[in-house]
Amino acid sequence: MAQNVPGRHRAPGRFSAMSELKTIAKETAQPAVKGAAIVAASGGLVASFAGTANAAEGSPAAAADAAAAASTAPAVVGPQGSSLQAPTALSSIGFVAKPASKTTAAKPRVIKDVKVETARKEAKEAEEREEREAAEARAAERSQTTARASRTSTRTATSTRTSTTKRTAPDPAPSASGIVGIARSMFGVPYVYGGRTPNGFDCSGLTSYVYRQAGISIPRTASAQKAAATPVSSPRPGDLVFFGYPVYHVGIYVSPGTMIDAQRPGTTIGYHSIWTKPSGYGRF
């Protein structure tokens, strides 16, 4: 005789999604595939029950259930032993996954371009070379300027001395009968022993040539010229001045202390001083 077994019913009371998740997890804690299915199913249950009349959205009871579910949610063993969670179900009730830890960004590596470095080095060397050449050019220019200034100063000093010499030299008197003027035209002719032409003169060669140009013929040697001349005590420009006993030198008198003569080798004809007392003066 069949025995009637009364049906089993859920005890009356408030439905808890968290309790349902725990029950399903205990009964079906199997491999990773079943675990994933349970999590998905549980997520669906949580999502479906979250909107029921048992706990209104935003009520304190719903927030407490959601927090309890998040804290006791079982870990699911995934493929190759990896641990899985149920982010979809948890996010549906307001939980957000913890962000991954920040990783330090790798510093960028600076790769030098050999060609660029070489070009910069060459450009710097070229610039330094140009600066050195410019400095050398400026130094050379300063040196040339200094040399030109020195030459100019030397020429000016020489010109000044020449002008001073010409100013201090006496002008021939009109009574010189052109003798002093003719003698001055021979300035610069070198002394030549035995010379009696404009190519070179000795002392008596000069006096005989100058007098001859004035139309007066006199002896060739100094001693003969003194012997032929008329002695005078107060000479005038153009007279002859003699030196020594016997006479060894003769010149053309210009003014007190000055005469024109051919002195000695290495000198030229010009104004010269009467350096010692003459042995006499003569006039033709």
Protein backbone atom coordinates (compact mmCIF):
# COMPACT_ATOMS: atom_id res chain seq x y z
CA MET A 1 0.00 0.00 0.00
CA ALA A 2 1.43 3.23 -1.11
CA GLN A 3 2.44 5.64 1.58
CA ASN A 4 1.77 9.23 0.98
CA VAL A 5 4.85 11.35 1.68
CA PRO A 6 4.10 14.91 2.14
CA GLY A 7 6.00 17.28 -0.29
CA ARG A 8 8.97 19.31 0.95
CA HIS A 9 8.52 23.06 0.87
CA ARG A 10 10.86 25.97 1.50
CA ALA A 11 10.43 27.30 4.91
CA PRO A 12 8.65 30.55 4.80
CA GLY A 13 10.93 33.54 5.23
CA ARG A 14 12.98 36.23 3.40
CA PHE A 15 14.89 35.09 0.29
CA SER A 16 18.67 35.68 0.40
CA ALA A 17 20.70 35.67 -2.77
CA MET A 18 23.88 35.16 -0.76
CA SER A 19 22.52 32.00 0.83
CA GLU A 20 21.52 30.70 -2.57
CA LEU A 21 25.09 31.27 -3.88
CA LYS A 22 26.63 29.44 -0.95
CA THR A 23 24.29 26.46 -1.40
CA ILE A 24 25.02 26.13 -5.10
CA ALA A 25 28.79 26.47 -4.50
CA LYS A 26 28.77 23.64 -1.95
CA GLU A 27 26.74 21.29 -4.06
CA THR A 28 28.60 21.81 -7.27
CA ALA A 29 32.23 22.45 -6.24
CA GLN A 30 33.61 20.53 -9.20
CA PRO A 31 36.13 21.21 -12.04
CA ALA A 32 36.62 24.66 -13.55
CA VAL A 33 33.94 24.22 -16.25
CA LYS A 34 31.18 23.58 -13.76
CA GLY A 35 32.50 26.37 -11.57
CA ALA A 36 32.27 28.81 -14.44
CA ALA A 37 28.70 27.71 -15.16
CA ILE A 38 27.78 28.11 -11.48
CA VAL A 39 29.26 31.60 -11.38
CA ALA A 40 27.33 32.53 -14.52
CA ALA A 41 24.12 31.07 -13.10
CA SER A 42 24.72 32.71 -9.77
CA GLY A 43 25.32 36.01 -11.52
CA GLY A 44 22.00 35.61 -13.27
CA LEU A 45 20.27 34.79 -10.01
CA VAL A 46 21.87 37.74 -8.26
CA ALA A 47 20.87 40.02 -11.12
CA SER A 48 17.31 38.66 -11.15
CA PHE A 49 16.82 38.75 -7.43
CA ALA A 50 18.40 42.15 -7.07
CA GLY A 51 15.30 43.66 -8.69
CA THR A 52 12.65 41.74 -6.71
CA ALA A 53 10.32 43.13 -4.16
CA ASN A 54 12.25 41.46 -1.33
CA ALA A 55 14.82 44.32 -1.31
CA ALA A 56 14.19 47.55 -3.04
CA GLU A 57 17.01 49.07 -5.15
CA GLY A 58 19.10 51.39 -3.13
CA SER A 59 17.70 50.10 0.24
CA PRO A 60 20.06 49.35 3.15
CA ALA A 61 19.18 45.66 3.04
CA ALA A 62 20.15 45.37 -0.64
CA ALA A 63 23.48 47.08 -0.04
CA ALA A 64 24.23 44.78 2.89
CA ASP A 65 23.43 41.66 0.83
CA ALA A 66 25.63 42.85 -1.99
CA ALA A 67 28.55 43.50 0.34
CA ALA A 68 28.17 40.06 1.95
CA ALA A 69 28.07 38.39 -1.45
CA ALA A 70 31.21 40.17 -2.58
CA SER A 71 33.13 39.22 0.58
CA THR A 72 32.16 35.53 0.53
CA ALA A 73 32.13 34.91 -3.21
CA PRO A 74 33.93 31.60 -3.90
CA ALA A 75 37.01 31.44 -6.05
CA VAL A 76 36.73 29.26 -9.11
CA VAL A 77 39.66 27.20 -10.29
CA GLY A 78 40.18 27.92 -13.94
CA PRO A 79 42.21 26.15 -16.67
CA GLN A 80 45.71 25.00 -15.60
CA GLY A 81 44.93 25.79 -11.94
CA SER A 82 44.40 29.56 -12.35
CA SER A 83 42.10 31.27 -9.87
CA LEU A 84 38.97 32.96 -11.34
CA GLN A 85 36.38 35.31 -9.84
CA ALA A 86 33.01 36.36 -11.00
CA PRO A 87 33.50 39.98 -12.06
CA THR A 88 30.34 40.09 -14.13
CA ALA A 89 28.07 39.10 -11.26
CA LEU A 90 29.87 41.38 -8.79
CA SER A 91 29.86 44.36 -11.11
CA SER A 92 26.17 43.92 -11.68
CA ILE A 93 25.52 44.60 -8.01
CA GLY A 94 27.78 47.66 -7.86
CA PHE A 95 31.27 46.33 -7.09
CA VAL A 96 34.28 47.47 -9.13
CA ALA A 97 37.44 45.37 -9.53
CA LYS A 98 40.59 46.69 -7.84
CA PRO A 99 42.85 48.36 -10.42
CA ALA A 100 46.09 46.63 -11.32
CA SER A 101 49.27 47.96 -9.73
CA LYS A 102 51.12 50.57 -11.69
CA THR A 103 54.29 49.55 -13.46
CA THR A 104 57.26 51.86 -13.77
CA ALA A 105 57.63 53.08 -17.35
CA ALA A 106 60.93 52.15 -18.91
CA LYS A 107 63.25 55.07 -19.55
CA PRO A 108 63.69 55.82 -23.26
CA ARG A 109 67.06 54.86 -24.68
CA VAL A 110 68.92 57.66 -26.45
CA ILE A 111 70.59 56.39 -29.59
CA LYS A 112 73.25 58.73 -30.91
CA ASP A 113 73.44 59.27 -34.63
CA VAL A 114 77.10 58.86 -35.59
CA LYS A 115 76.68 60.88 -38.77
CA VAL A 116 75.03 63.77 -36.92
CA GLU A 117 77.76 63.78 -34.25
CA THR A 118 80.48 63.72 -36.92
CA ALA A 119 78.86 66.58 -38.83
CA ARG A 120 78.60 68.67 -35.67
CA LYS A 121 82.23 68.00 -34.78
CA GLU A 122 83.40 68.97 -38.27
CA ALA A 123 81.30 72.13 -38.20
CA LYS A 124 82.78 73.12 -34.82
CA GLU A 125 86.35 72.46 -36.05
CA ALA A 126 85.69 74.53 -39.20
CA GLU A 127 84.36 77.41 -37.09
CA GLU A 128 87.42 77.30 -34.79
CA ARG A 129 89.74 77.20 -37.83
CA GLU A 130 88.04 80.24 -39.35
CA GLU A 131 88.41 82.12 -36.06
CA ARG A 132 92.14 81.29 -35.91
CA GLU A 133 92.67 82.38 -39.53
CA ALA A 134 90.79 85.63 -38.88
CA ALA A 135 92.92 86.30 -35.79
CA GLU A 136 96.13 85.62 -37.75
CA ALA A 137 94.95 87.92 -40.55
CA ARG A 138 94.23 90.70 -38.05
CA ALA A 139 97.64 90.23 -36.46
CA ALA A 140 99.36 90.34 -39.87
CA GLU A 141 97.42 93.48 -40.78
CA ARG A 142 98.44 95.15 -37.51
CA SER A 143 102.07 94.18 -38.17
CA GLN A 144 101.94 95.63 -41.68
CA THR A 145 100.33 98.81 -40.38
CA THR A 146 103.07 99.16 -37.77
CA ALA A 147 105.78 98.58 -40.40
CA ARG A 148 104.22 101.19 -42.74
CA ALA A 149 104.01 103.69 -39.88
CA SER A 150 107.67 103.02 -39.04
CA ARG A 151 108.76 103.53 -42.65
CA THR A 152 106.71 106.70 -42.90
CA SER A 153 108.27 108.01 -39.68
CA THR A 154 111.77 107.19 -41.00
CA ARG A 155 111.11 108.97 -44.29
CA THR A 156 109.72 111.98 -42.46
CA ALA A 157 112.73 112.15 -40.16
CA THR A 158 115.12 111.84 -43.14
CA SER A 159 113.25 114.52 -45.03
CA THR A 160 113.36 116.77 -41.99
CA ARG A 161 117.11 116.32 -41.59
CA THR A 162 117.66 116.99 -45.31
CA SER A 163 115.52 120.12 -45.18
CA THR A 164 117.36 121.31 -42.10
CA THR A 165 120.72 120.74 -43.81
CA LYS A 166 119.62 122.65 -46.89
CA ARG A 167 118.29 125.53 -44.81
CA THR A 168 121.45 125.80 -42.77
CA ALA A 169 123.69 125.66 -45.84
CA PRO A 170 124.45 129.17 -47.01
CA ASP A 171 123.28 130.43 -50.35
CA PRO A 172 126.02 131.58 -52.71
CA ALA A 173 126.62 135.29 -52.90
CA PRO A 174 126.10 137.08 -56.22
CA SER A 175 129.83 137.87 -56.32
CA ALA A 176 130.64 134.17 -56.60
CA SER A 177 130.66 134.60 -60.43
CA GLY A 178 128.70 131.30 -60.74
CA ILE A 179 131.52 129.19 -59.18
CA VAL A 180 129.43 128.12 -56.16
CA GLY A 181 126.39 127.42 -58.36
CA ILE A 182 128.42 125.18 -60.70
CA ALA A 183 129.92 123.38 -57.69
CA ARG A 184 126.45 122.75 -56.23
CA SER A 185 125.39 121.07 -59.48
CA MET A 186 127.98 118.38 -58.72
CA PHE A 187 126.40 117.38 -55.39
CA GLY A 188 126.23 113.60 -55.01
CA VAL A 189 129.14 112.76 -57.31
CA PRO A 190 131.39 110.25 -55.47
CA TYR A 191 134.97 110.82 -54.49
CA VAL A 192 137.40 109.06 -56.88
CA TYR A 193 141.14 109.38 -56.43
CA GLY A 194 142.55 111.15 -59.52
CA GLY A 195 139.00 111.79 -60.84
CA ARG A 196 138.25 115.00 -62.71
CA THR A 197 134.89 114.34 -64.44
CA PRO A 198 131.29 114.14 -63.21
CA ASN A 199 131.78 110.36 -62.94
CA GLY A 200 134.05 111.02 -59.94
CA PHE A 201 136.31 113.72 -58.55
CA ASP A 202 139.18 114.15 -56.15
CA CYS A 203 139.63 117.55 -54.41
CA SER A 204 141.72 119.37 -57.05
CA GLY A 205 139.92 117.59 -59.90
CA LEU A 206 136.63 119.14 -58.68
CA THR A 207 138.04 122.69 -58.34
CA SER A 208 139.76 122.65 -61.77
CA TYR A 209 136.58 121.25 -63.45
CA VAL A 210 134.27 123.86 -61.84
CA TYR A 211 136.54 126.77 -62.74
CA ARG A 212 136.87 125.45 -66.26
CA GLN A 213 133.05 125.36 -66.58
CA ALA A 214 133.08 129.03 -65.50
CA GLY A 215 135.65 129.83 -68.21
CA ILE A 216 138.67 130.05 -65.94
CA SER A 217 141.63 127.74 -66.49
CA ILE A 218 143.61 126.81 -63.39
CA PRO A 219 146.32 124.19 -62.64
CA ARG A 220 145.32 120.55 -61.94
CA THR A 221 146.86 119.90 -58.48
CA ALA A 222 146.13 121.58 -55.13
CA SER A 223 149.71 122.80 -54.55
CA ALA A 224 149.90 124.24 -58.09
CA GLN A 225 146.55 125.98 -57.66
CA LYS A 226 147.77 127.68 -54.44
CA ALA A 227 150.93 128.78 -56.13
CA ALA A 228 149.00 130.29 -59.10
CA ALA A 229 146.20 131.96 -57.07
CA THR A 230 146.28 135.42 -55.56
CA PRO A 231 146.41 135.08 -51.77
CA VAL A 232 143.55 136.85 -49.89
CA SER A 233 142.91 137.23 -46.16
CA SER A 234 139.15 137.85 -46.43
CA PRO A 235 137.76 135.16 -48.76
CA ARG A 236 134.56 135.57 -50.76
CA PRO A 237 132.20 132.80 -52.01
CA GLY A 238 133.92 131.06 -54.95
CA ASP A 239 137.47 131.59 -53.68
CA LEU A 240 139.68 128.55 -53.02
CA VAL A 241 140.57 127.40 -49.49
CA PHE A 242 143.80 125.44 -48.99
CA PHE A 243 144.97 123.07 -46.20
CA GLY A 244 148.44 121.92 -45.14
CA TYR A 245 152.12 122.73 -45.76
CA PRO A 246 152.70 121.62 -48.42
CA VAL A 247 149.08 121.76 -49.54
CA TYR A 248 147.29 118.39 -49.44
CA HIS A 249 143.64 119.51 -49.83
CA VAL A 250 141.59 122.25 -51.55
CA GLY A 251 137.94 123.26 -51.57
CA ILE A 252 135.62 126.03 -52.78
CA TYR A 253 134.82 128.60 -50.07
CA VAL A 254 131.07 129.30 -49.48
CA SER A 255 130.82 131.08 -46.10
CA PRO A 256 132.66 131.23 -42.77
CA GLY A 257 133.12 127.61 -41.68
CA THR A 258 131.54 126.07 -44.84
CA MET A 259 132.92 124.89 -48.19
CA ILE A 260 132.14 122.55 -51.10
CA ASP A 261 134.73 119.83 -51.69
CA ALA A 262 135.49 116.18 -52.52
CA GLN A 263 136.78 115.01 -49.18
CA ARG A 264 137.90 111.36 -49.21
CA PRO A 265 136.96 107.88 -50.49
CA GLY A 266 133.46 106.82 -49.47
CA THR A 267 132.00 110.34 -49.51
CA THR A 268 130.22 112.45 -52.12
CA ILE A 269 130.47 116.09 -53.10
CA GLY A 270 128.39 118.44 -50.91
CA TYR A 271 128.54 121.11 -48.22
CA HIS A 272 131.20 120.29 -45.62
CA SER A 273 132.58 122.11 -42.64
CA ILE A 274 136.02 123.75 -42.57
CA TRP A 275 137.20 121.40 -39.82
CA THR A 276 140.59 123.01 -39.20
CA LYS A 277 142.40 126.26 -39.75
CA PRO A 278 143.16 126.73 -43.49
CA SER A 279 146.69 127.32 -44.65
CA GLY A 280 145.45 130.10 -46.93
CA TYR A 281 142.85 131.42 -49.38
CA GLY A 282 143.34 132.10 -53.11
CA ARG A 283 141.44 133.95 -55.82
CA PHE A 284 141.55 133.74 -59.65
